[in-house]
């Protein structure tokens, strides 16, 4: 499956953005979808994920209560609503289709990646 991430931009601290991850070619496959981010000079880190079976969602501690991951089946799209943004949220955000049952918090469990979308939060 090919993934297309979009919705990034420049926003002031406290603002909001909604990222989208659309699947093209066919529907999402695997076990779920995850959002990761990578800031300059840092490793790619897990942000949030959603499981196709049961719809369970997971978040890294630093975004709990501020970010919400959701899925629109009709549009074959997964969203990441980001509220109360902070400068430390600045990064390139990637969506990825998880190909393994376990290990949803690590990039190695994901086979297909979108191209990334830049999120910049100014103070």
N, C-alpha and C. Protein backbone atom coordinates (compact mmCIF):
# COMPACT_ATOMS: atom_id res chain seq x y z
N UNK A 1 0.84 -1.17 0.00
CA UNK A 1 0.00 0.00 0.00
C UNK A 1 0.89 1.24 0.00
N UNK A 2 0.49 2.26 -0.77
CA UNK A 2 1.21 3.53 -0.77
C UNK A 2 0.49 4.51 0.14
N UNK A 3 1.27 5.19 0.96
CA UNK A 3 0.72 6.12 1.92
C UNK A 3 1.12 7.54 1.58
N UNK A 4 0.18 8.46 1.76
CA UNK A 4 0.43 9.88 1.48
C UNK A 4 0.08 10.67 2.73
N UNK A 5 1.10 11.26 3.35
CA UNK A 5 0.89 12.08 4.53
C UNK A 5 0.80 13.55 4.12
N UNK A 6 -0.09 14.27 4.78
CA UNK A 6 -0.26 15.69 4.49
C UNK A 6 -0.80 16.41 5.71
N UNK A 7 -0.84 17.74 5.64
CA UNK A 7 -1.44 18.53 6.71
C UNK A 7 -0.47 19.27 7.59
N UNK A 8 0.82 19.08 7.37
CA UNK A 8 1.79 19.78 8.18
C UNK A 8 1.82 21.26 7.86
N UNK A 9 2.58 22.01 8.67
CA UNK A 9 2.69 23.43 8.45
C UNK A 9 3.36 24.12 9.62
N UNK A 10 3.27 25.44 9.60
CA UNK A 10 3.85 26.28 10.65
C UNK A 10 2.71 26.81 11.52
N UNK A 11 2.85 26.61 12.82
CA UNK A 11 1.80 27.05 13.75
C UNK A 11 2.46 27.56 15.02
N UNK A 12 1.79 28.47 15.69
CA UNK A 12 2.31 28.98 16.95
C UNK A 12 2.01 28.00 18.07
N UNK A 13 2.80 28.08 19.12
CA UNK A 13 2.57 27.25 20.30
C UNK A 13 1.14 27.44 20.79
N UNK A 14 0.51 26.32 21.13
CA UNK A 14 -0.88 26.36 21.56
C UNK A 14 -1.87 26.14 20.44
N UNK A 15 -1.40 26.18 19.21
CA UNK A 15 -2.25 25.99 18.06
C UNK A 15 -2.51 24.53 17.75
N UNK A 16 -3.22 24.31 16.63
CA UNK A 16 -3.61 22.95 16.24
C UNK A 16 -3.31 22.69 14.77
N UNK A 17 -3.09 21.45 14.48
CA UNK A 17 -2.97 20.96 13.10
C UNK A 17 -3.62 19.59 13.03
N UNK A 18 -4.10 19.24 11.85
CA UNK A 18 -4.60 17.88 11.64
C UNK A 18 -3.84 17.26 10.47
N UNK A 19 -3.13 16.20 10.77
CA UNK A 19 -2.42 15.46 9.75
C UNK A 19 -3.32 14.37 9.19
N UNK A 20 -3.13 14.10 7.91
CA UNK A 20 -3.88 13.04 7.24
C UNK A 20 -2.91 12.04 6.64
N UNK A 21 -3.32 10.79 6.64
CA UNK A 21 -2.55 9.73 6.00
C UNK A 21 -3.53 8.94 5.15
N UNK A 22 -3.39 9.07 3.84
CA UNK A 22 -4.30 8.41 2.92
C UNK A 22 -3.62 7.24 2.24
N UNK A 23 -4.35 6.16 2.08
CA UNK A 23 -3.84 4.98 1.40
C UNK A 23 -4.30 5.00 -0.05
N UNK A 24 -3.38 4.76 -0.96
CA UNK A 24 -3.74 4.70 -2.37
C UNK A 24 -3.45 3.32 -2.91
N UNK A 25 -4.13 2.97 -3.95
CA UNK A 25 -3.91 1.66 -4.54
C UNK A 25 -4.83 0.61 -3.96
N UNK A 26 -4.86 0.52 -2.65
CA UNK A 26 -5.78 -0.41 -1.98
C UNK A 26 -5.96 0.06 -0.55
N UNK A 27 -6.76 -0.64 0.18
CA UNK A 27 -7.03 -0.21 1.55
C UNK A 27 -5.81 -0.51 2.43
N UNK A 28 -5.84 0.05 3.62
CA UNK A 28 -4.80 -0.23 4.59
C UNK A 28 -4.73 -1.74 4.84
N UNK A 29 -3.53 -2.22 5.02
CA UNK A 29 -3.35 -3.65 5.29
C UNK A 29 -2.64 -3.80 6.62
N UNK A 30 -2.25 -5.00 6.94
CA UNK A 30 -1.51 -5.22 8.15
C UNK A 30 -2.37 -5.14 9.40
N UNK A 31 -1.77 -4.71 10.49
CA UNK A 31 -2.42 -4.74 11.79
C UNK A 31 -2.85 -3.36 12.31
N UNK A 32 -2.39 -2.32 11.68
CA UNK A 32 -2.76 -1.00 12.14
C UNK A 32 -1.89 0.05 11.48
N UNK A 33 -2.07 1.29 11.92
CA UNK A 33 -1.28 2.38 11.38
C UNK A 33 -0.67 3.19 12.50
N UNK A 34 0.55 3.63 12.28
CA UNK A 34 1.22 4.42 13.28
C UNK A 34 1.70 5.75 12.73
N UNK A 35 1.82 6.70 13.62
CA UNK A 35 2.46 7.98 13.32
C UNK A 35 3.78 8.04 14.10
N UNK A 36 4.82 8.44 13.40
CA UNK A 36 6.13 8.63 14.00
C UNK A 36 6.58 10.04 13.66
N UNK A 37 7.58 10.52 14.38
CA UNK A 37 8.15 11.82 14.05
C UNK A 37 9.66 11.78 14.24
N UNK A 38 10.33 12.64 13.50
CA UNK A 38 11.77 12.71 13.58
C UNK A 38 12.21 14.16 13.52
N UNK A 39 12.84 14.60 14.59
CA UNK A 39 13.39 15.94 14.66
C UNK A 39 14.85 15.90 14.20
N UNK A 40 15.40 17.03 13.76
CA UNK A 40 16.78 17.05 13.28
C UNK A 40 17.75 16.53 14.34
N UNK A 41 18.60 15.61 13.94
CA UNK A 41 19.60 15.07 14.84
C UNK A 41 19.09 14.05 15.82
N UNK A 42 17.82 13.69 15.71
CA UNK A 42 17.24 12.72 16.64
C UNK A 42 16.73 11.51 15.89
N UNK A 43 16.53 10.43 16.64
CA UNK A 43 15.99 9.22 16.05
C UNK A 43 14.48 9.36 15.83
N UNK A 44 13.97 8.56 14.91
CA UNK A 44 12.54 8.54 14.68
C UNK A 44 11.86 7.95 15.90
N UNK A 45 10.80 8.61 16.37
CA UNK A 45 10.14 8.15 17.58
C UNK A 45 8.64 7.95 17.35
N UNK A 46 8.10 7.01 18.09
CA UNK A 46 6.67 6.69 18.04
C UNK A 46 5.86 7.84 18.61
N UNK A 47 4.73 8.14 17.95
CA UNK A 47 3.82 9.17 18.43
C UNK A 47 2.47 8.57 18.82
N UNK A 48 1.85 7.86 17.88
CA UNK A 48 0.52 7.31 18.13
C UNK A 48 0.26 6.18 17.15
N UNK A 49 -0.67 5.31 17.51
CA UNK A 49 -1.05 4.23 16.61
C UNK A 49 -2.48 3.81 16.85
N UNK A 50 -3.05 3.17 15.85
CA UNK A 50 -4.41 2.65 15.95
C UNK A 50 -4.42 1.25 15.37
N UNK A 51 -5.09 0.34 16.04
CA UNK A 51 -5.21 -1.03 15.56
C UNK A 51 -6.48 -1.17 14.73
N UNK A 52 -6.40 -1.93 13.64
CA UNK A 52 -7.58 -2.15 12.83
C UNK A 52 -8.58 -3.02 13.57
N UNK A 53 -8.10 -4.01 14.29
CA UNK A 53 -8.98 -4.88 15.03
C UNK A 53 -9.26 -4.29 16.40
N UNK A 54 -10.46 -3.86 16.63
CA UNK A 54 -10.83 -3.29 17.92
C UNK A 54 -10.69 -1.79 17.99
N UNK A 55 -9.87 -1.23 17.11
CA UNK A 55 -9.72 0.22 17.09
C UNK A 55 -8.98 0.81 18.27
N UNK A 56 -8.22 -0.03 18.99
CA UNK A 56 -7.47 0.49 20.12
C UNK A 56 -6.44 1.51 19.67
N UNK A 57 -6.26 2.54 20.49
CA UNK A 57 -5.29 3.58 20.18
C UNK A 57 -4.23 3.67 21.27
N UNK A 58 -3.06 4.12 20.87
CA UNK A 58 -1.94 4.23 21.78
C UNK A 58 -1.20 5.53 21.49
N UNK A 59 -0.64 6.11 22.55
CA UNK A 59 0.07 7.38 22.41
C UNK A 59 1.33 7.36 23.25
N UNK A 60 2.34 8.06 22.76
CA UNK A 60 3.49 8.27 23.61
C UNK A 60 3.10 9.27 24.70
N UNK A 61 3.75 9.19 25.84
CA UNK A 61 3.33 9.98 27.01
C UNK A 61 3.31 11.48 26.73
N UNK A 62 4.25 11.96 25.95
CA UNK A 62 4.37 13.40 25.76
C UNK A 62 3.22 14.01 24.96
N UNK A 63 2.41 13.19 24.29
CA UNK A 63 1.31 13.74 23.49
C UNK A 63 -0.06 13.33 24.02
N UNK A 64 -0.09 12.51 25.05
CA UNK A 64 -1.38 12.08 25.61
C UNK A 64 -2.17 13.28 26.08
N UNK A 65 -3.46 13.28 25.72
CA UNK A 65 -4.33 14.39 26.09
C UNK A 65 -4.28 15.55 25.11
N UNK A 66 -3.32 15.53 24.20
CA UNK A 66 -3.20 16.61 23.21
C UNK A 66 -3.43 16.12 21.78
N UNK A 67 -3.02 14.90 21.48
CA UNK A 67 -3.15 14.34 20.14
C UNK A 67 -4.23 13.26 20.14
N UNK A 68 -4.91 13.14 19.00
CA UNK A 68 -5.93 12.11 18.84
C UNK A 68 -5.79 11.47 17.47
N UNK A 69 -5.66 10.15 17.45
CA UNK A 69 -5.60 9.42 16.19
C UNK A 69 -6.97 8.81 15.91
N UNK A 70 -7.38 8.87 14.65
CA UNK A 70 -8.69 8.34 14.29
C UNK A 70 -8.66 7.87 12.85
N UNK A 71 -9.71 7.11 12.48
CA UNK A 71 -9.75 6.54 11.14
C UNK A 71 -11.10 6.84 10.50
N UNK A 72 -11.07 7.19 9.22
CA UNK A 72 -12.27 7.37 8.41
C UNK A 72 -12.28 6.26 7.37
N UNK A 73 -13.07 5.24 7.61
CA UNK A 73 -13.07 4.09 6.71
C UNK A 73 -13.55 4.46 5.31
N UNK A 74 -14.52 5.34 5.23
CA UNK A 74 -15.07 5.72 3.93
C UNK A 74 -14.04 6.41 3.05
N UNK A 75 -13.16 7.16 3.68
CA UNK A 75 -12.13 7.89 2.94
C UNK A 75 -10.79 7.16 2.93
N UNK A 76 -10.74 6.01 3.60
CA UNK A 76 -9.48 5.26 3.65
C UNK A 76 -8.34 6.13 4.14
N UNK A 77 -8.62 6.87 5.20
CA UNK A 77 -7.67 7.85 5.69
C UNK A 77 -7.59 7.76 7.21
N UNK A 78 -6.39 7.95 7.73
CA UNK A 78 -6.18 8.05 9.17
C UNK A 78 -5.73 9.46 9.49
N UNK A 79 -6.26 10.01 10.57
CA UNK A 79 -5.95 11.38 10.96
C UNK A 79 -5.17 11.41 12.27
N UNK A 80 -4.39 12.46 12.42
CA UNK A 80 -3.76 12.75 13.70
C UNK A 80 -4.10 14.20 14.02
N UNK A 81 -5.05 14.37 14.93
CA UNK A 81 -5.42 15.71 15.38
C UNK A 81 -4.45 16.12 16.48
N UNK A 82 -3.78 17.24 16.27
CA UNK A 82 -2.77 17.70 17.21
C UNK A 82 -3.20 19.05 17.78
N UNK A 83 -3.49 19.09 19.06
CA UNK A 83 -3.90 20.30 19.75
C UNK A 83 -2.86 20.70 20.78
N UNK A 84 -2.95 21.94 21.22
CA UNK A 84 -2.02 22.46 22.24
C UNK A 84 -0.58 22.16 21.86
N UNK A 85 -0.24 22.46 20.64
CA UNK A 85 1.10 22.15 20.14
C UNK A 85 2.17 22.92 20.87
N UNK A 86 3.32 22.27 21.01
CA UNK A 86 4.47 22.84 21.70
C UNK A 86 5.66 22.90 20.74
N UNK A 87 6.61 23.78 20.98
CA UNK A 87 7.80 23.82 20.12
C UNK A 87 8.51 22.47 20.02
N UNK A 88 8.47 21.69 21.08
CA UNK A 88 9.14 20.38 21.05
C UNK A 88 8.41 19.36 20.19
N UNK A 89 7.23 19.70 19.67
CA UNK A 89 6.54 18.84 18.71
C UNK A 89 7.06 19.03 17.29
N UNK A 90 7.93 20.01 17.11
CA UNK A 90 8.48 20.27 15.78
C UNK A 90 9.26 19.07 15.27
N UNK A 91 8.89 18.59 14.10
CA UNK A 91 9.52 17.41 13.51
C UNK A 91 8.88 17.12 12.16
N UNK A 92 9.47 16.19 11.44
CA UNK A 92 8.82 15.62 10.27
C UNK A 92 7.99 14.44 10.76
N UNK A 93 6.74 14.42 10.41
CA UNK A 93 5.82 13.38 10.86
C UNK A 93 5.58 12.39 9.72
N UNK A 94 5.66 11.12 10.06
CA UNK A 94 5.48 10.03 9.09
C UNK A 94 4.35 9.12 9.53
N UNK A 95 3.59 8.63 8.57
CA UNK A 95 2.64 7.57 8.87
C UNK A 95 3.16 6.27 8.24
N UNK A 96 2.78 5.17 8.85
CA UNK A 96 3.29 3.88 8.38
C UNK A 96 2.29 2.79 8.70
N UNK A 97 2.26 1.78 7.82
CA UNK A 97 1.36 0.64 7.92
C UNK A 97 2.08 -0.49 8.65
N UNK A 98 1.51 -0.94 9.74
CA UNK A 98 2.20 -1.94 10.58
C UNK A 98 2.01 -3.34 10.02
N UNK A 99 3.12 -4.03 9.82
CA UNK A 99 3.12 -5.37 9.22
C UNK A 99 3.31 -6.47 10.25
N UNK A 100 3.55 -6.10 11.49
CA UNK A 100 3.74 -7.11 12.53
C UNK A 100 2.64 -6.98 13.58
N UNK A 101 2.27 -8.11 14.18
CA UNK A 101 1.23 -8.11 15.20
C UNK A 101 1.68 -7.33 16.42
N UNK A 102 2.93 -7.55 16.83
CA UNK A 102 3.46 -6.88 18.02
C UNK A 102 4.52 -5.86 17.62
N UNK A 103 5.01 -5.14 18.63
CA UNK A 103 6.07 -4.18 18.37
C UNK A 103 5.59 -2.92 17.71
N UNK A 104 4.39 -2.46 18.05
CA UNK A 104 3.84 -1.30 17.36
C UNK A 104 4.54 0.00 17.70
N UNK A 105 5.40 0.00 18.70
CA UNK A 105 6.07 1.23 19.10
C UNK A 105 7.42 1.41 18.42
N UNK A 106 7.82 0.46 17.58
CA UNK A 106 9.13 0.53 16.96
C UNK A 106 9.00 0.60 15.44
N UNK A 107 9.82 1.41 14.80
CA UNK A 107 9.72 1.56 13.34
C UNK A 107 9.89 0.25 12.56
N UNK A 108 10.65 -0.66 13.08
CA UNK A 108 10.93 -1.91 12.36
C UNK A 108 9.68 -2.75 12.15
N UNK A 109 8.61 -2.46 12.88
CA UNK A 109 7.37 -3.24 12.74
C UNK A 109 6.50 -2.75 11.61
N UNK A 110 6.94 -1.70 10.93
CA UNK A 110 6.15 -1.06 9.89
C UNK A 110 6.83 -1.23 8.54
N UNK A 111 6.04 -1.63 7.54
CA UNK A 111 6.62 -1.94 6.23
C UNK A 111 6.48 -0.79 5.25
N UNK A 112 5.33 -0.14 5.23
CA UNK A 112 5.09 0.93 4.24
C UNK A 112 5.05 2.27 4.95
N UNK A 113 5.81 3.22 4.40
CA UNK A 113 5.90 4.55 5.01
C UNK A 113 5.47 5.63 4.02
N UNK A 114 4.80 6.63 4.55
CA UNK A 114 4.52 7.82 3.76
C UNK A 114 5.77 8.67 3.65
N UNK A 115 5.69 9.76 2.89
CA UNK A 115 6.86 10.57 2.60
C UNK A 115 7.19 11.56 3.70
N UNK A 116 6.32 11.77 4.66
CA UNK A 116 6.58 12.70 5.75
C UNK A 116 6.02 14.07 5.47
N UNK A 117 5.60 14.74 6.53
CA UNK A 117 5.09 16.10 6.42
C UNK A 117 5.67 16.91 7.58
N UNK A 118 6.16 18.09 7.28
CA UNK A 118 6.86 18.92 8.26
C UNK A 118 5.86 19.66 9.15
N UNK A 119 6.10 19.56 10.45
CA UNK A 119 5.34 20.33 11.45
C UNK A 119 6.33 21.21 12.19
N UNK A 120 6.08 22.50 12.18
CA UNK A 120 6.94 23.45 12.87
C UNK A 120 6.09 24.28 13.82
N UNK A 121 6.46 24.26 15.09
CA UNK A 121 5.72 24.99 16.11
C UNK A 121 6.63 26.08 16.65
N UNK A 122 6.22 27.32 16.49
CA UNK A 122 7.03 28.44 16.96
C UNK A 122 6.61 28.84 18.37
N UNK A 123 7.56 29.36 19.11
CA UNK A 123 7.27 29.74 20.50
C UNK A 123 6.75 31.15 20.58
